[in-house]
Amino acid sequence: MNIAHSSNKPLDASAGVPRYSPAQIVLHWVIGLAIIVMPLTGYLGSSFNKFATRFWGIPLPMWGWDDPGLRRIFFTVHTFSAWILIALIVLHVEGALKHQLIDRDRLMERMLP
């Protein structure tokens, strides 16, 4: 809604206030959680190693020690959250396409500047 209000385009009066289903709310919250969890667990997994972690060539502080067990736990969570994030992005795109092609509620038009 904020994007639509800031784009100087009036909202279509027939569109009304969007109602979000519980599934849509959960989808958006889990996407946000996965966006935080995935890189954090990847970084922590890399920290429990004897080699320095670099981000775009910049060495990052090491928060851990060489521990294969912790590294495996963090990388397992990292991999799992990456697959979850991929699946949720696919669902998100499918929802956007449904609004555009099936519902034809001009949702995409209202979001664009």
Protein backbone atom coordinates (compact mmCIF):
# COMPACT_ATOMS: atom_id res chain seq x y z
CA MET A 1 0.00 0.00 0.00
CA ASN A 2 2.82 2.43 0.78
CA ILE A 3 4.24 2.09 -2.73
CA ALA A 4 0.86 2.78 -4.27
CA HIS A 5 0.40 5.87 -2.12
CA SER A 6 3.84 7.25 -2.93
CA SER A 7 3.52 6.78 -6.69
CA ASN A 8 0.95 9.59 -7.14
CA LYS A 9 -1.39 7.11 -8.80
CA PRO A 10 -4.87 7.07 -7.36
CA LEU A 11 -6.01 3.70 -6.14
CA ASP A 12 -8.84 2.13 -8.03
CA ALA A 13 -11.94 2.62 -5.86
CA SER A 14 -13.32 -0.74 -6.95
CA ALA A 15 -10.19 -2.50 -5.71
CA GLY A 16 -11.03 -1.75 -2.09
CA VAL A 17 -8.80 -2.53 0.84
CA PRO A 18 -6.84 -5.72 0.24
CA ARG A 19 -7.68 -8.60 2.55
CA TYR A 20 -4.81 -10.92 3.30
CA SER A 21 -5.41 -14.55 4.06
CA PRO A 22 -3.54 -16.17 6.94
CA ALA A 23 -1.47 -18.07 4.35
CA GLN A 24 -0.36 -14.80 2.73
CA ILE A 25 0.60 -13.32 6.08
CA VAL A 26 2.59 -16.42 7.04
CA LEU A 27 4.26 -16.48 3.60
CA HIS A 28 5.52 -12.91 3.97
CA TRP A 29 6.74 -13.42 7.55
CA VAL A 30 8.57 -16.65 6.67
CA ILE A 31 10.21 -14.98 3.65
CA GLY A 32 11.46 -12.22 5.94
CA LEU A 33 12.69 -14.74 8.50
CA ALA A 34 14.49 -16.81 5.85
CA ILE A 35 16.15 -13.67 4.45
CA ILE A 36 17.66 -13.11 7.90
CA VAL A 37 18.36 -16.74 8.90
CA MET A 38 20.01 -17.90 5.67
CA PRO A 39 22.96 -15.45 5.51
CA LEU A 40 23.37 -15.44 9.30
CA THR A 41 23.72 -19.22 9.53
CA GLY A 42 26.00 -19.24 6.49
CA TYR A 43 28.27 -16.70 8.16
CA LEU A 44 28.21 -18.53 11.48
CA GLY A 45 28.92 -21.84 9.74
CA SER A 46 31.91 -20.24 8.05
CA SER A 47 33.07 -18.79 11.38
CA PHE A 48 33.43 -22.24 12.94
CA ASN A 49 36.33 -23.00 10.62
CA LYS A 50 40.08 -22.53 10.82
CA PHE A 51 40.07 -20.30 7.74
CA ALA A 52 39.07 -16.63 7.71
CA THR A 53 35.71 -15.75 6.18
CA ARG A 54 35.76 -13.08 3.49
CA PHE A 55 32.89 -11.03 2.14
CA TRP A 56 33.77 -9.49 -1.24
CA GLY A 57 37.44 -9.78 -0.30
CA ILE A 58 37.00 -8.11 3.09
CA PRO A 59 37.99 -10.36 6.01
CA LEU A 60 35.20 -10.71 8.55
CA PRO A 61 35.72 -11.31 12.27
CA MET A 62 35.79 -14.93 13.33
CA TRP A 63 33.23 -15.61 16.03
CA GLY A 64 34.03 -19.27 16.45
CA TRP A 65 36.69 -21.90 16.50
CA ASP A 66 37.28 -24.91 14.30
CA ASP A 67 34.31 -27.11 15.23
CA PRO A 68 33.01 -29.51 12.54
CA GLY A 69 29.86 -30.33 14.57
CA LEU A 70 28.71 -26.71 14.91
CA ARG A 71 29.71 -25.97 11.33
CA ARG A 72 27.54 -28.88 10.14
CA ILE A 73 24.56 -27.66 12.22
CA PHE A 74 24.83 -24.09 10.90
CA PHE A 75 25.30 -25.22 7.29
CA THR A 76 22.35 -27.61 7.57
CA VAL A 77 20.11 -24.77 8.74
CA HIS A 78 21.63 -22.56 6.03
CA THR A 79 20.88 -25.09 3.29
CA PHE A 80 17.37 -25.79 4.58
CA SER A 81 16.52 -22.08 4.81
CA ALA A 82 17.89 -21.51 1.29
CA TRP A 83 15.56 -24.16 -0.14
CA ILE A 84 12.64 -22.77 1.88
CA LEU A 85 13.41 -19.26 0.59
CA ILE A 86 13.55 -20.49 -3.01
CA ALA A 87 10.18 -22.24 -2.63
CA LEU A 88 8.61 -19.17 -1.02
CA ILE A 89 9.91 -16.87 -3.75
CA VAL A 90 8.36 -19.20 -6.34
CA LEU A 91 5.05 -19.06 -4.43
CA HIS A 92 5.31 -15.28 -4.22
CA VAL A 93 5.84 -14.96 -7.98
CA GLU A 94 2.97 -17.38 -8.62
CA GLY A 95 0.72 -15.22 -6.44
CA ALA A 96 1.73 -12.09 -8.32
CA LEU A 97 1.06 -13.79 -11.67
CA LYS A 98 -2.34 -14.98 -10.39
CA HIS A 99 -3.26 -11.40 -9.51
CA GLN A 100 -2.10 -10.19 -12.92
CA LEU A 101 -3.42 -12.93 -15.20
CA ILE A 102 -6.39 -14.52 -13.42
CA ASP A 103 -7.80 -11.98 -10.96
CA ARG A 104 -6.95 -9.01 -13.18
CA ASP A 105 -7.19 -6.74 -10.14
CA ARG A 106 -4.45 -4.37 -11.39
CA LEU A 107 -2.34 -5.12 -8.33
CA MET A 108 0.92 -4.94 -10.30
CA GLU A 109 -0.12 -1.67 -11.93
CA ARG A 110 -0.86 -0.13 -8.54
CA MET A 111 2.55 -1.18 -7.18
CA LEU A 112 4.64 0.20 -10.02
CA PRO A 113 5.63 3.89 -10.05
